[in-house]
């Protein structure tokens, strides 16, 4: 009798994504995003340029992304009045993720006033996200000479 070993890889590579998996329009809330702003290339810069923004880079076919989504939503519930939380479907725009060095999913990027301050690769737990968002919300240290 043969014994088989099955390995489950908890990441999706962006290069395997095919366009046309989703039909939502940019700016609409996705059915599984429950309140997170939906981003695409037409509104990305405008959204991330002000304040603290956590962007969940994901794809509909990515199972680990579906695990990451509720974690991001939980953190968004804590910071709904202090930061913006959004989802970016890499199937519709893989170049944006590549610009940030994201080549596997799930991935998240934290922006402060338009600049990326931290990129999370792989499934990230809520406590790590809470710590990063909290740090990003702190005012920058002012140098007194």
C-alpha atoms as a PDB file:
ATOM      1  CA  UNK A   1       0.000   0.000   0.000  1.00  0.00           C
ATOM      2  CA  UNK A   2       1.391   3.409  -0.999  1.00  0.00           C
ATOM      3  CA  UNK A   3       1.291   6.367   1.365  1.00  0.00           C
ATOM      4  CA  UNK A   4       0.814   9.798  -0.160  1.00  0.00           C
ATOM      5  CA  UNK A   5       1.826  13.073   1.403  1.00  0.00           C
ATOM      6  CA  UNK A   6      -0.122  16.158   0.456  1.00  0.00           C
ATOM      7  CA  UNK A   7       1.365  19.580   1.065  1.00  0.00           C
ATOM      8  CA  UNK A   8      -0.918  22.580   1.120  1.00  0.00           C
ATOM      9  CA  UNK A   9       0.796  25.800   0.188  1.00  0.00           C
ATOM     10  CA  UNK A  10      -0.696  28.798   1.997  1.00  0.00           C
ATOM     11  CA  UNK A  11       0.105  31.392  -0.635  1.00  0.00           C
ATOM     12  CA  UNK A  12      -1.061  32.249  -4.109  1.00  0.00           C
ATOM     13  CA  UNK A  13       1.314  33.596  -6.712  1.00  0.00           C
ATOM     14  CA  UNK A  14       0.153  36.609  -8.623  1.00  0.00           C
ATOM     15  CA  UNK A  15       1.529  35.343 -11.932  1.00  0.00           C
ATOM     16  CA  UNK A  16      -1.176  32.642 -12.106  1.00  0.00           C
ATOM     17  CA  UNK A  17      -4.061  35.096 -11.938  1.00  0.00           C
ATOM     18  CA  UNK A  18      -6.329  35.541 -14.887  1.00  0.00           C
ATOM     19  CA  UNK A  19      -8.422  38.627 -15.631  1.00  0.00           C
ATOM     20  CA  UNK A  20     -12.184  38.580 -15.589  1.00  0.00           C
ATOM     21  CA  UNK A  21     -12.723  36.704 -12.312  1.00  0.00           C
ATOM     22  CA  UNK A  22     -14.798  39.501 -10.806  1.00  0.00           C
ATOM     23  CA  UNK A  23     -17.347  41.936 -12.136  1.00  0.00           C
ATOM     24  CA  UNK A  24     -17.609  44.514  -9.343  1.00  0.00           C
ATOM     25  CA  UNK A  25     -17.012  48.147 -10.215  1.00  0.00           C
ATOM     26  CA  UNK A  26     -14.187  50.138  -8.555  1.00  0.00           C
ATOM     27  CA  UNK A  27     -15.254  51.945  -5.402  1.00  0.00           C
ATOM     28  CA  UNK A  28     -18.096  49.516  -4.682  1.00  0.00           C
ATOM     29  CA  UNK A  29     -17.971  47.423  -1.587  1.00  0.00           C
ATOM     30  CA  UNK A  30     -17.344  43.802  -2.356  1.00  0.00           C
ATOM     31  CA  UNK A  31     -19.774  41.260  -0.976  1.00  0.00           C
ATOM     32  CA  UNK A  32     -17.021  39.702   1.122  1.00  0.00           C
ATOM     33  CA  UNK A  33     -15.338  42.962   2.054  1.00  0.00           C
ATOM     34  CA  UNK A  34     -18.061  44.200   4.447  1.00  0.00           C
ATOM     35  CA  UNK A  35     -17.270  47.896   4.489  1.00  0.00           C
ATOM     36  CA  UNK A  36     -13.721  47.924   3.137  1.00  0.00           C
ATOM     37  CA  UNK A  37     -13.228  50.322   0.258  1.00  0.00           C
ATOM     38  CA  UNK A  38     -12.584  48.610  -3.077  1.00  0.00           C
ATOM     39  CA  UNK A  39      -9.546  50.011  -4.868  1.00  0.00           C
ATOM     40  CA  UNK A  40      -8.252  49.808  -8.412  1.00  0.00           C
ATOM     41  CA  UNK A  41      -5.746  51.839 -10.419  1.00  0.00           C
ATOM     42  CA  UNK A  42      -8.224  54.687 -10.946  1.00  0.00           C
ATOM     43  CA  UNK A  43      -8.651  55.485  -7.236  1.00  0.00           C
ATOM     44  CA  UNK A  44      -5.597  53.947  -5.544  1.00  0.00           C
ATOM     45  CA  UNK A  45      -3.390  57.055  -5.328  1.00  0.00           C
ATOM     46  CA  UNK A  46      -6.266  59.278  -4.203  1.00  0.00           C
ATOM     47  CA  UNK A  47      -7.167  56.945  -1.334  1.00  0.00           C
ATOM     48  CA  UNK A  48      -3.663  56.226  -0.009  1.00  0.00           C
ATOM     49  CA  UNK A  49      -2.375  59.808  -0.238  1.00  0.00           C
ATOM     50  CA  UNK A  50      -4.065  60.987   2.988  1.00  0.00           C
ATOM     51  CA  UNK A  51      -3.753  59.527   6.458  1.00  0.00           C
ATOM     52  CA  UNK A  52      -3.162  55.911   7.427  1.00  0.00           C
ATOM     53  CA  UNK A  53      -4.435  53.308   4.948  1.00  0.00           C
ATOM     54  CA  UNK A  54      -4.122  49.526   5.147  1.00  0.00           C
ATOM     55  CA  UNK A  55      -4.582  47.852   1.754  1.00  0.00           C
ATOM     56  CA  UNK A  56      -5.384  44.144   1.517  1.00  0.00           C
ATOM     57  CA  UNK A  57      -3.966  42.854  -1.786  1.00  0.00           C
ATOM     58  CA  UNK A  58      -6.012  39.786  -2.663  1.00  0.00           C
ATOM     59  CA  UNK A  59      -7.605  37.668  -5.385  1.00  0.00           C
ATOM     60  CA  UNK A  60     -10.942  35.894  -5.419  1.00  0.00           C
ATOM     61  CA  UNK A  61      -9.388  32.493  -6.140  1.00  0.00           C
ATOM     62  CA  UNK A  62      -6.800  32.768  -3.332  1.00  0.00           C
ATOM     63  CA  UNK A  63      -7.912  30.653  -0.362  1.00  0.00           C
ATOM     64  CA  UNK A  64      -5.404  32.197   2.098  1.00  0.00           C
ATOM     65  CA  UNK A  65      -6.729  35.627   1.043  1.00  0.00           C
ATOM     66  CA  UNK A  66     -10.188  34.537   2.161  1.00  0.00           C
ATOM     67  CA  UNK A  67      -8.707  33.694   5.563  1.00  0.00           C
ATOM     68  CA  UNK A  68      -6.901  37.065   5.717  1.00  0.00           C
ATOM     69  CA  UNK A  69     -10.029  39.074   4.840  1.00  0.00           C
ATOM     70  CA  UNK A  70     -11.924  38.573   8.129  1.00  0.00           C
ATOM     71  CA  UNK A  71      -8.746  39.376  10.087  1.00  0.00           C
ATOM     72  CA  UNK A  72      -8.436  42.690   8.259  1.00  0.00           C
ATOM     73  CA  UNK A  73     -12.140  43.380   8.846  1.00  0.00           C
ATOM     74  CA  UNK A  74     -11.707  42.755  12.575  1.00  0.00           C
ATOM     75  CA  UNK A  75      -8.845  45.254  12.733  1.00  0.00           C
ATOM     76  CA  UNK A  76     -10.830  47.729  10.617  1.00  0.00           C
ATOM     77  CA  UNK A  77     -13.626  47.566  13.192  1.00  0.00           C
ATOM     78  CA  UNK A  78     -11.143  48.744  15.850  1.00  0.00           C
ATOM     79  CA  UNK A  79      -9.811  51.669  13.812  1.00  0.00           C
ATOM     80  CA  UNK A  80     -12.816  52.640  11.669  1.00  0.00           C
ATOM     81  CA  UNK A  81     -12.634  56.281  12.817  1.00  0.00           C
ATOM     82  CA  UNK A  82      -8.837  56.676  12.624  1.00  0.00           C
ATOM     83  CA  UNK A  83      -7.656  54.841   9.503  1.00  0.00           C
ATOM     84  CA  UNK A  84      -8.887  53.668   6.112  1.00  0.00           C
ATOM     85  CA  UNK A  85      -9.056  49.992   5.158  1.00  0.00           C
ATOM     86  CA  UNK A  86      -9.297  48.865   1.567  1.00  0.00           C
ATOM     87  CA  UNK A  87      -9.039  45.842  -0.733  1.00  0.00           C
ATOM     88  CA  UNK A  88      -7.174  45.748  -4.022  1.00  0.00           C
ATOM     89  CA  UNK A  89      -7.872  42.869  -6.394  1.00  0.00           C
ATOM     90  CA  UNK A  90      -4.552  42.024  -8.036  1.00  0.00           C
ATOM     91  CA  UNK A  91      -6.322  40.185 -10.838  1.00  0.00           C
ATOM     92  CA  UNK A  92      -7.484  43.574 -12.092  1.00  0.00           C
ATOM     93  CA  UNK A  93      -4.115  45.282 -11.603  1.00  0.00           C
ATOM     94  CA  UNK A  94      -1.079  43.108 -10.822  1.00  0.00           C
ATOM     95  CA  UNK A  95       1.413  45.886 -11.612  1.00  0.00           C
ATOM     96  CA  UNK A  96       0.398  47.882  -8.518  1.00  0.00           C
ATOM     97  CA  UNK A  97       1.294  44.952  -6.247  1.00  0.00           C
ATOM     98  CA  UNK A  98       4.544  44.345  -8.142  1.00  0.00           C
ATOM     99  CA  UNK A  99       5.526  47.998  -7.590  1.00  0.00           C
ATOM    100  CA  UNK A 100       5.454  47.268  -3.854  1.00  0.00           C
ATOM    101  CA  UNK A 101       7.436  44.029  -4.202  1.00  0.00           C
ATOM    102  CA  UNK A 102       4.372  41.837  -3.708  1.00  0.00           C
ATOM    103  CA  UNK A 103       4.540  38.640  -5.745  1.00  0.00           C
ATOM    104  CA  UNK A 104       2.537  36.254  -3.564  1.00  0.00           C
ATOM    105  CA  UNK A 105      -0.753  36.503  -1.709  1.00  0.00           C
ATOM    106  CA  UNK A 106      -2.095  37.281   0.778  1.00  0.00           C
ATOM    107  CA  UNK A 107      -0.242  40.545   1.237  1.00  0.00           C
ATOM    108  CA  UNK A 108      -1.038  43.818   2.931  1.00  0.00           C
ATOM    109  CA  UNK A 109       0.539  47.241   2.617  1.00  0.00           C
ATOM    110  CA  UNK A 110       0.293  50.003   5.200  1.00  0.00           C
ATOM    111  CA  UNK A 111       0.526  53.552   3.872  1.00  0.00           C
ATOM    112  CA  UNK A 112       0.905  56.848   5.700  1.00  0.00           C
ATOM    113  CA  UNK A 113       0.265  59.993   3.691  1.00  0.00           C
ATOM    114  CA  UNK A 114       0.907  58.207   0.415  1.00  0.00           C
ATOM    115  CA  UNK A 115       4.118  56.439   1.387  1.00  0.00           C
ATOM    116  CA  UNK A 116       4.305  52.700   2.094  1.00  0.00           C
ATOM    117  CA  UNK A 117       5.539  52.214   5.662  1.00  0.00           C
ATOM    118  CA  UNK A 118       5.195  48.425   5.964  1.00  0.00           C
ATOM    119  CA  UNK A 119       4.380  45.469   3.710  1.00  0.00           C
ATOM    120  CA  UNK A 120       3.125  42.205   5.180  1.00  0.00           C
ATOM    121  CA  UNK A 121       3.678  39.071   3.078  1.00  0.00           C
ATOM    122  CA  UNK A 122       1.686  35.953   3.891  1.00  0.00           C
ATOM    123  CA  UNK A 123      -1.122  35.432   6.356  1.00  0.00           C
ATOM    124  CA  UNK A 124      -0.813  38.129   9.042  1.00  0.00           C
ATOM    125  CA  UNK A 125      -2.505  37.944  12.424  1.00  0.00           C
ATOM    126  CA  UNK A 126      -4.586  40.751  13.921  1.00  0.00           C
ATOM    127  CA  UNK A 127      -2.124  41.642  16.687  1.00  0.00           C
ATOM    128  CA  UNK A 128       0.615  42.416  14.133  1.00  0.00           C
ATOM    129  CA  UNK A 129      -1.767  44.580  12.114  1.00  0.00           C
ATOM    130  CA  UNK A 130      -3.039  46.402  15.214  1.00  0.00           C
ATOM    131  CA  UNK A 131       0.540  47.165  16.290  1.00  0.00           C
ATOM    132  CA  UNK A 132       1.496  48.472  12.835  1.00  0.00           C
ATOM    133  CA  UNK A 133      -1.623  50.634  12.437  1.00  0.00           C
ATOM    134  CA  UNK A 134      -1.210  52.009  15.964  1.00  0.00           C
ATOM    135  CA  UNK A 135       2.424  52.923  15.255  1.00  0.00           C
ATOM    136  CA  UNK A 136       1.477  54.566  11.956  1.00  0.00           C
ATOM    137  CA  UNK A 137      -1.184  56.656  13.696  1.00  0.00           C
ATOM    138  CA  UNK A 138       1.371  58.116  16.103  1.00  0.00           C
ATOM    139  CA  UNK A 139       2.482  61.623  15.163  1.00  0.00           C
ATOM    140  CA  UNK A 140       5.973  61.809  13.708  1.00  0.00           C
ATOM    141  CA  UNK A 141       8.687  62.809  16.121  1.00  0.00           C
ATOM    142  CA  UNK A 142       9.484  66.472  15.793  1.00  0.00           C
ATOM    143  CA  UNK A 143      13.125  67.433  15.823  1.00  0.00           C
ATOM    144  CA  UNK A 144      13.878  70.471  17.988  1.00  0.00           C
ATOM    145  CA  UNK A 145      17.171  72.200  17.331  1.00  0.00           C
END
